[in-house]
Amino acid sequence: MNKFTVEETNLLSIYQTESKRETMKNISAALPFMAEDIQGIAKRLMKKIEDLTEAEYAEFTVYPADEAE
């Protein structure tokens, strides 16, 4: 089910909440403060999150890349 790149996973680890909607809200609020290249990654991430069902989002556990096994 891992549809996310390493960069997307790291961003998601920063902004993820239990709620899909809240996570997208957190990322959206941070967009103006992100570098342009990171904004592109964040926008792509939000689209991927939006495409997940609530059940898929609830099952998804994120670990930053440097903590992955």
PDB file of N, CA and C in Angstrom:
ATOM      1  N   MET A   1       0.822  -1.202   0.000  1.00  0.00           N
ATOM      2  CA  MET A   1       0.000   0.000   0.000  1.00  0.00           C
ATOM      3  C   MET A   1       0.866   1.266   0.000  1.00  0.00           C
ATOM      4  N   ASN A   2       2.167   1.149   0.194  1.00  0.00           N
ATOM      5  CA  ASN A   2       3.015   2.334   0.262  1.00  0.00           C
ATOM      6  C   ASN A   2       3.085   3.021  -1.089  1.00  0.00           C
ATOM      7  N   LYS A   3       2.307   4.074  -1.239  1.00  0.00           N
ATOM      8  CA  LYS A   3       2.227   4.831  -2.474  1.00  0.00           C
ATOM      9  C   LYS A   3       3.054   6.106  -2.392  1.00  0.00           C
ATOM     10  N   PHE A   4       3.787   6.283  -1.313  1.00  0.00           N
ATOM     11  CA  PHE A   4       4.460   7.543  -1.051  1.00  0.00           C
ATOM     12  C   PHE A   4       5.964   7.443  -1.272  1.00  0.00           C
ATOM     13  N   THR A   5       6.553   8.535  -1.781  1.00  0.00           N
ATOM     14  CA  THR A   5       8.004   8.604  -1.925  1.00  0.00           C
ATOM     15  C   THR A   5       8.618   8.870  -0.550  1.00  0.00           C
ATOM     16  N   VAL A   6       9.919   8.760  -0.466  1.00  0.00           N
ATOM     17  CA  VAL A   6      10.627   9.043   0.787  1.00  0.00           C
ATOM     18  C   VAL A   6      10.357  10.489   1.215  1.00  0.00           C
ATOM     19  N   GLU A   7      10.432  11.416   0.271  1.00  0.00           N
ATOM     20  CA  GLU A   7      10.195  12.832   0.584  1.00  0.00           C
ATOM     21  C   GLU A   7       8.769  13.054   1.096  1.00  0.00           C
ATOM     22  N   GLU A   8       7.801  12.406   0.451  1.00  0.00           N
ATOM     23  CA  GLU A   8       6.407  12.539   0.885  1.00  0.00           C
ATOM     24  C   GLU A   8       6.210  11.940   2.272  1.00  0.00           C
ATOM     25  N   THR A   9       6.842  10.805   2.509  1.00  0.00           N
ATOM     26  CA  THR A   9       6.728  10.150   3.812  1.00  0.00           C
ATOM     27  C   THR A   9       7.307  11.027   4.913  1.00  0.00           C
ATOM     28  N   ASN A  10       8.445  11.662   4.642  1.00  0.00           N
ATOM     29  CA  ASN A  10       9.037  12.549   5.641  1.00  0.00           C
ATOM     30  C   ASN A  10       8.137  13.749   5.924  1.00  0.00           C
ATOM     31  N   LEU A  11       7.545  14.336   4.889  1.00  0.00           N
ATOM     32  CA  LEU A  11       6.603  15.437   5.108  1.00  0.00           C
ATOM     33  C   LEU A  11       5.396  14.959   5.901  1.00  0.00           C
ATOM     34  N   LEU A  12       4.881  13.808   5.516  1.00  0.00           N
ATOM     35  CA  LEU A  12       3.715  13.273   6.204  1.00  0.00           C
ATOM     36  C   LEU A  12       4.012  13.008   7.675  1.00  0.00           C
ATOM     37  N   SER A  13       5.220  12.584   7.979  1.00  0.00           N
ATOM     38  CA  SER A  13       5.573  12.325   9.380  1.00  0.00           C
ATOM     39  C   SER A  13       5.534  13.600  10.220  1.00  0.00           C
ATOM     40  N   ILE A  14       5.725  14.739   9.585  1.00  0.00           N
ATOM     41  CA  ILE A  14       5.682  16.019  10.287  1.00  0.00           C
ATOM     42  C   ILE A  14       4.250  16.485  10.525  1.00  0.00           C
ATOM     43  N   TYR A  15       3.401  16.323   9.522  1.00  0.00           N
ATOM     44  CA  TYR A  15       2.064  16.936   9.551  1.00  0.00           C
ATOM     45  C   TYR A  15       0.919  15.968   9.832  1.00  0.00           C
ATOM     46  N   GLN A  16       1.194  14.689   9.914  1.00  0.00           N
ATOM     47  CA  GLN A  16       0.133  13.696  10.066  1.00  0.00           C
ATOM     48  C   GLN A  16      -0.593  13.799  11.399  1.00  0.00           C
ATOM     49  N   THR A  17      -1.897  13.690  11.320  1.00  0.00           N
ATOM     50  CA  THR A  17      -2.755  13.581  12.497  1.00  0.00           C
ATOM     51  C   THR A  17      -3.619  12.334  12.307  1.00  0.00           C
ATOM     52  N   GLU A  18      -4.489  12.068  13.241  1.00  0.00           N
ATOM     53  CA  GLU A  18      -5.394  10.923  13.112  1.00  0.00           C
ATOM     54  C   GLU A  18      -6.440  11.151  12.030  1.00  0.00           C
ATOM     55  N   SER A  19      -6.662  12.388  11.682  1.00  0.00           N
ATOM     56  CA  SER A  19      -7.686  12.745  10.708  1.00  0.00           C
ATOM     57  C   SER A  19      -7.058  13.093   9.362  1.00  0.00           C
ATOM     58  N   LYS A  20      -7.566  12.490   8.327  1.00  0.00           N
ATOM     59  CA  LYS A  20      -7.114  12.792   6.969  1.00  0.00           C
ATOM     60  C   LYS A  20      -7.323  14.271   6.659  1.00  0.00           C
ATOM     61  N   ARG A  21      -8.468  14.790   7.033  1.00  0.00           N
ATOM     62  CA  ARG A  21      -8.796  16.195   6.777  1.00  0.00           C
ATOM     63  C   ARG A  21      -7.856  17.138   7.527  1.00  0.00           C
ATOM     64  N   GLU A  22      -7.578  16.837   8.788  1.00  0.00           N
ATOM     65  CA  GLU A  22      -6.671  17.674   9.589  1.00  0.00           C
ATOM     66  C   GLU A  22      -5.244  17.637   9.041  1.00  0.00           C
ATOM     67  N   THR A  23      -4.816  16.477   8.602  1.00  0.00           N
ATOM     68  CA  THR A  23      -3.476  16.361   8.021  1.00  0.00           C
ATOM     69  C   THR A  23      -3.371  17.242   6.785  1.00  0.00           C
ATOM     70  N   MET A  24      -4.357  17.178   5.912  1.00  0.00           N
ATOM     71  CA  MET A  24      -4.344  18.006   4.703  1.00  0.00           C
ATOM     72  C   MET A  24      -4.412  19.492   5.066  1.00  0.00           C
ATOM     73  N   LYS A  25      -5.159  19.819   6.099  1.00  0.00           N
ATOM     74  CA  LYS A  25      -5.253  21.202   6.567  1.00  0.00           C
ATOM     75  C   LYS A  25      -3.900  21.688   7.084  1.00  0.00           C
ATOM     76  N   ASN A  26      -3.194  20.839   7.827  1.00  0.00           N
ATOM     77  CA  ASN A  26      -1.866  21.184   8.352  1.00  0.00           C
ATOM     78  C   ASN A  26      -0.868  21.433   7.224  1.00  0.00           C
ATOM     79  N   ILE A  27      -0.874  20.552   6.237  1.00  0.00           N
ATOM     80  CA  ILE A  27       0.046  20.710   5.107  1.00  0.00           C
ATOM     81  C   ILE A  27      -0.284  21.973   4.330  1.00  0.00           C
ATOM     82  N   SER A  28      -1.553  22.192   4.089  1.00  0.00           N
ATOM     83  CA  SER A  28      -1.995  23.375   3.341  1.00  0.00           C
ATOM     84  C   SER A  28      -1.599  24.667   4.054  1.00  0.00           C
ATOM     85  N   ALA A  29      -1.719  24.690   5.359  1.00  0.00           N
ATOM     86  CA  ALA A  29      -1.358  25.880   6.138  1.00  0.00           C
ATOM     87  C   ALA A  29       0.139  26.162   6.079  1.00  0.00           C
ATOM     88  N   ALA A  30       0.939  25.118   5.935  1.00  0.00           N
ATOM     89  CA  ALA A  30       2.394  25.275   5.898  1.00  0.00           C
ATOM     90  C   ALA A  30       2.924  25.597   4.504  1.00  0.00           C
ATOM     91  N   LEU A  31       2.132  25.383   3.473  1.00  0.00           N
ATOM     92  CA  LEU A  31       2.591  25.585   2.088  1.00  0.00           C
ATOM     93  C   LEU A  31       3.272  26.930   1.844  1.00  0.00           C
ATOM     94  N   PRO A  32       2.705  28.060   2.295  1.00  0.00           N
ATOM     95  CA  PRO A  32       3.347  29.346   2.001  1.00  0.00           C
ATOM     96  C   PRO A  32       4.752  29.499   2.603  1.00  0.00           C
ATOM     97  N   PHE A  33       5.079  28.675   3.575  1.00  0.00           N
ATOM     98  CA  PHE A  33       6.365  28.773   4.258  1.00  0.00           C
ATOM     99  C   PHE A  33       7.387  27.768   3.732  1.00  0.00           C
ATOM    100  N   MET A  34       6.979  26.945   2.770  1.00  0.00           N
ATOM    101  CA  MET A  34       7.851  25.923   2.213  1.00  0.00           C
ATOM    102  C   MET A  34       8.591  26.454   0.991  1.00  0.00           C
ATOM    103  N   ALA A  35       9.781  25.928   0.765  1.00  0.00           N
ATOM    104  CA  ALA A  35      10.517  26.221  -0.462  1.00  0.00           C
ATOM    105  C   ALA A  35       9.696  25.711  -1.647  1.00  0.00           C
ATOM    106  N   GLU A  36       9.913  26.303  -2.794  1.00  0.00           N
ATOM    107  CA  GLU A  36       9.114  25.980  -3.982  1.00  0.00           C
ATOM    108  C   GLU A  36       9.148  24.489  -4.333  1.00  0.00           C
ATOM    109  N   ASP A  37      10.319  23.871  -4.261  1.00  0.00           N
ATOM    110  CA  ASP A  37      10.408  22.447  -4.589  1.00  0.00           C
ATOM    111  C   ASP A  37       9.661  21.586  -3.575  1.00  0.00           C
ATOM    112  N   ILE A  38       9.686  21.990  -2.318  1.00  0.00           N
ATOM    113  CA  ILE A  38       8.955  21.256  -1.276  1.00  0.00           C
ATOM    114  C   ILE A  38       7.452  21.456  -1.450  1.00  0.00           C
ATOM    115  N   GLN A  39       7.042  22.630  -1.901  1.00  0.00           N
ATOM    116  CA  GLN A  39       5.623  22.873  -2.170  1.00  0.00           C
ATOM    117  C   GLN A  39       5.084  21.867  -3.183  1.00  0.00           C
ATOM    118  N   GLY A  40       5.869  21.596  -4.219  1.00  0.00           N
ATOM    119  CA  GLY A  40       5.447  20.615  -5.220  1.00  0.00           C
ATOM    120  C   GLY A  40       5.254  19.240  -4.620  1.00  0.00           C
ATOM    121  N   ILE A  41       6.178  18.844  -3.770  1.00  0.00           N
ATOM    122  CA  ILE A  41       6.080  17.551  -3.089  1.00  0.00           C
ATOM    123  C   ILE A  41       4.845  17.540  -2.187  1.00  0.00           C
ATOM    124  N   ALA A  42       4.627  18.632  -1.454  1.00  0.00           N
ATOM    125  CA  ALA A  42       3.490  18.718  -0.530  1.00  0.00           C
ATOM    126  C   ALA A  42       2.159  18.657  -1.274  1.00  0.00           C
ATOM    127  N   LYS A  43       2.074  19.328  -2.407  1.00  0.00           N
ATOM    128  CA  LYS A  43       0.839  19.305  -3.204  1.00  0.00           C
ATOM    129  C   LYS A  43       0.568  17.904  -3.744  1.00  0.00           C
ATOM    130  N   ARG A  44       1.621  17.242  -4.191  1.00  0.00           N
ATOM    131  CA  ARG A  44       1.478  15.861  -4.678  1.00  0.00           C
ATOM    132  C   ARG A  44       1.050  14.949  -3.527  1.00  0.00           C
ATOM    133  N   LEU A  45       1.618  15.168  -2.350  1.00  0.00           N
ATOM    134  CA  LEU A  45       1.259  14.391  -1.169  1.00  0.00           C
ATOM    135  C   LEU A  45      -0.208  14.594  -0.807  1.00  0.00           C
ATOM    136  N   MET A  46      -0.665  15.830  -0.821  1.00  0.00           N
ATOM    137  CA  MET A  46      -2.074  16.091  -0.486  1.00  0.00           C
ATOM    138  C   MET A  46      -3.012  15.378  -1.453  1.00  0.00           C
ATOM    139  N   LYS A  47      -2.659  15.336  -2.723  1.00  0.00           N
ATOM    140  CA  LYS A  47      -3.488  14.635  -3.710  1.00  0.00           C
ATOM    141  C   LYS A  47      -3.538  13.146  -3.383  1.00  0.00           C
ATOM    142  N   LYS A  48      -2.390  12.581  -3.023  1.00  0.00           N
ATOM    143  CA  LYS A  48      -2.355  11.157  -2.682  1.00  0.00           C
ATOM    144  C   LYS A  48      -3.168  10.867  -1.426  1.00  0.00           C
ATOM    145  N   ILE A  49      -3.083  11.761  -0.440  1.00  0.00           N
ATOM    146  CA  ILE A  49      -3.868  11.592   0.784  1.00  0.00           C
ATOM    147  C   ILE A  49      -5.350  11.681   0.456  1.00  0.00           C
ATOM    148  N   GLU A  50      -5.707  12.645  -0.374  1.00  0.00           N
ATOM    149  CA  GLU A  50      -7.103  12.821  -0.772  1.00  0.00           C
ATOM    150  C   GLU A  50      -7.651  11.561  -1.442  1.00  0.00           C
ATOM    151  N   ASP A  51      -6.812  10.877  -2.203  1.00  0.00           N
ATOM    152  CA  ASP A  51      -7.246   9.681  -2.919  1.00  0.00           C
ATOM    153  C   ASP A  51      -7.413   8.456  -2.016  1.00  0.00           C
ATOM    154  N   LEU A  52      -6.853   8.512  -0.804  1.00  0.00           N
ATOM    155  CA  LEU A  52      -7.016   7.401   0.132  1.00  0.00           C
ATOM    156  C   LEU A  52      -8.421   7.407   0.726  1.00  0.00           C
ATOM    157  N   THR A  53      -8.952   6.229   0.982  1.00  0.00           N
ATOM    158  CA  THR A  53     -10.199   6.157   1.733  1.00  0.00           C
ATOM    159  C   THR A  53      -9.869   6.456   3.197  1.00  0.00           C
ATOM    160  N   GLU A  54     -10.886   6.741   3.974  1.00  0.00           N
ATOM    161  CA  GLU A  54     -10.668   6.980   5.412  1.00  0.00           C
ATOM    162  C   GLU A  54     -10.058   5.743   6.063  1.00  0.00           C
ATOM    163  N   ALA A  55     -10.509   4.559   5.655  1.00  0.00           N
ATOM    164  CA  ALA A  55      -9.989   3.311   6.231  1.00  0.00           C
ATOM    165  C   ALA A  55      -8.517   3.125   5.874  1.00  0.00           C
ATOM    166  N   GLU A  56      -8.144   3.395   4.622  1.00  0.00           N
ATOM    167  CA  GLU A  56      -6.744   3.288   4.211  1.00  0.00           C
ATOM    168  C   GLU A  56      -5.882   4.276   4.991  1.00  0.00           C
ATOM    169  N   TYR A  57      -6.388   5.496   5.147  1.00  0.00           N
ATOM    170  CA  TYR A  57      -5.625   6.503   5.884  1.00  0.00           C
ATOM    171  C   TYR A  57      -5.444   6.077   7.341  1.00  0.00           C
ATOM    172  N   ALA A  58      -6.500   5.555   7.942  1.00  0.00           N
ATOM    173  CA  ALA A  58      -6.442   5.141   9.348  1.00  0.00           C
ATOM    174  C   ALA A  58      -5.445   4.004   9.562  1.00  0.00           C
ATOM    175  N   GLU A  59      -5.256   3.144   8.572  1.00  0.00           N
ATOM    176  CA  GLU A  59      -4.337   2.008   8.677  1.00  0.00           C
ATOM    177  C   GLU A  59      -2.894   2.396   8.407  1.00  0.00           C
ATOM    178  N   PHE A  60      -2.680   3.540   7.773  1.00  0.00           N
ATOM    179  CA  PHE A  60      -1.351   3.907   7.324  1.00  0.00           C
ATOM    180  C   PHE A  60      -0.522   4.452   8.472  1.00  0.00           C
ATOM    181  N   THR A  61       0.623   3.836   8.704  1.00  0.00           N
ATOM    182  CA  THR A  61       1.559   4.270   9.731  1.00  0.00           C
ATOM    183  C   THR A  61       2.782   4.861   9.040  1.00  0.00           C
ATOM    184  N   VAL A  62       3.194   6.018   9.489  1.00  0.00           N
ATOM    185  CA  VAL A  62       4.320   6.705   8.861  1.00  0.00           C
ATOM    186  C   VAL A  62       5.513   6.720   9.796  1.00  0.00           C
ATOM    187  N   TYR A  63       6.655   6.365   9.245  1.00  0.00           N
ATOM    188  CA  TYR A  63       7.914   6.468   9.957  1.00  0.00           C
ATOM    189  C   TYR A  63       8.850   7.301   9.093  1.00  0.00           C
ATOM    190  N   PRO A  64       9.497   8.319   9.648  1.00  0.00           N
ATOM    191  CA  PRO A  64      10.469   9.068   8.854  1.00  0.00           C
ATOM    192  C   PRO A  64      11.522   8.131   8.277  1.00  0.00           C
ATOM    193  N   ALA A  65      12.046   8.470   7.124  1.00  0.00           N
ATOM    194  CA  ALA A  65      12.965   7.589   6.399  1.00  0.00           C
ATOM    195  C   ALA A  65      14.161   7.150   7.236  1.00  0.00           C
ATOM    196  N   ASP A  66      14.683   8.040   8.082  1.00  0.00           N
ATOM    197  CA  ASP A  66      15.869   7.665   8.853  1.00  0.00           C
ATOM    198  C   ASP A  66      15.539   6.685   9.979  1.00  0.00           C
ATOM    199  N   GLU A  67      14.251   6.424  10.236  1.00  0.00           N
ATOM    200  CA  GLU A  67      13.856   5.466  11.251  1.00  0.00           C
ATOM    201  C   GLU A  67      13.358   4.162  10.644  1.00  0.00           C
ATOM    202  N   ALA A  68      13.224   4.126   9.327  1.00  0.00           N
ATOM    203  CA  ALA A  68      12.717   2.930   8.669  1.00  0.00           C
ATOM    204  C   ALA A  68      13.722   1.796   8.768  1.00  0.00           C
ATOM    205  N   GLU A  69      13.214   0.592   8.823  1.00  0.00           N
ATOM    206  CA  GLU A  69      14.095  -0.577   8.908  1.00  0.00           C
ATOM    207  C   GLU A  69      14.532  -0.998   7.535  1.00  0.00           C
TER     208      GLU A  69
END
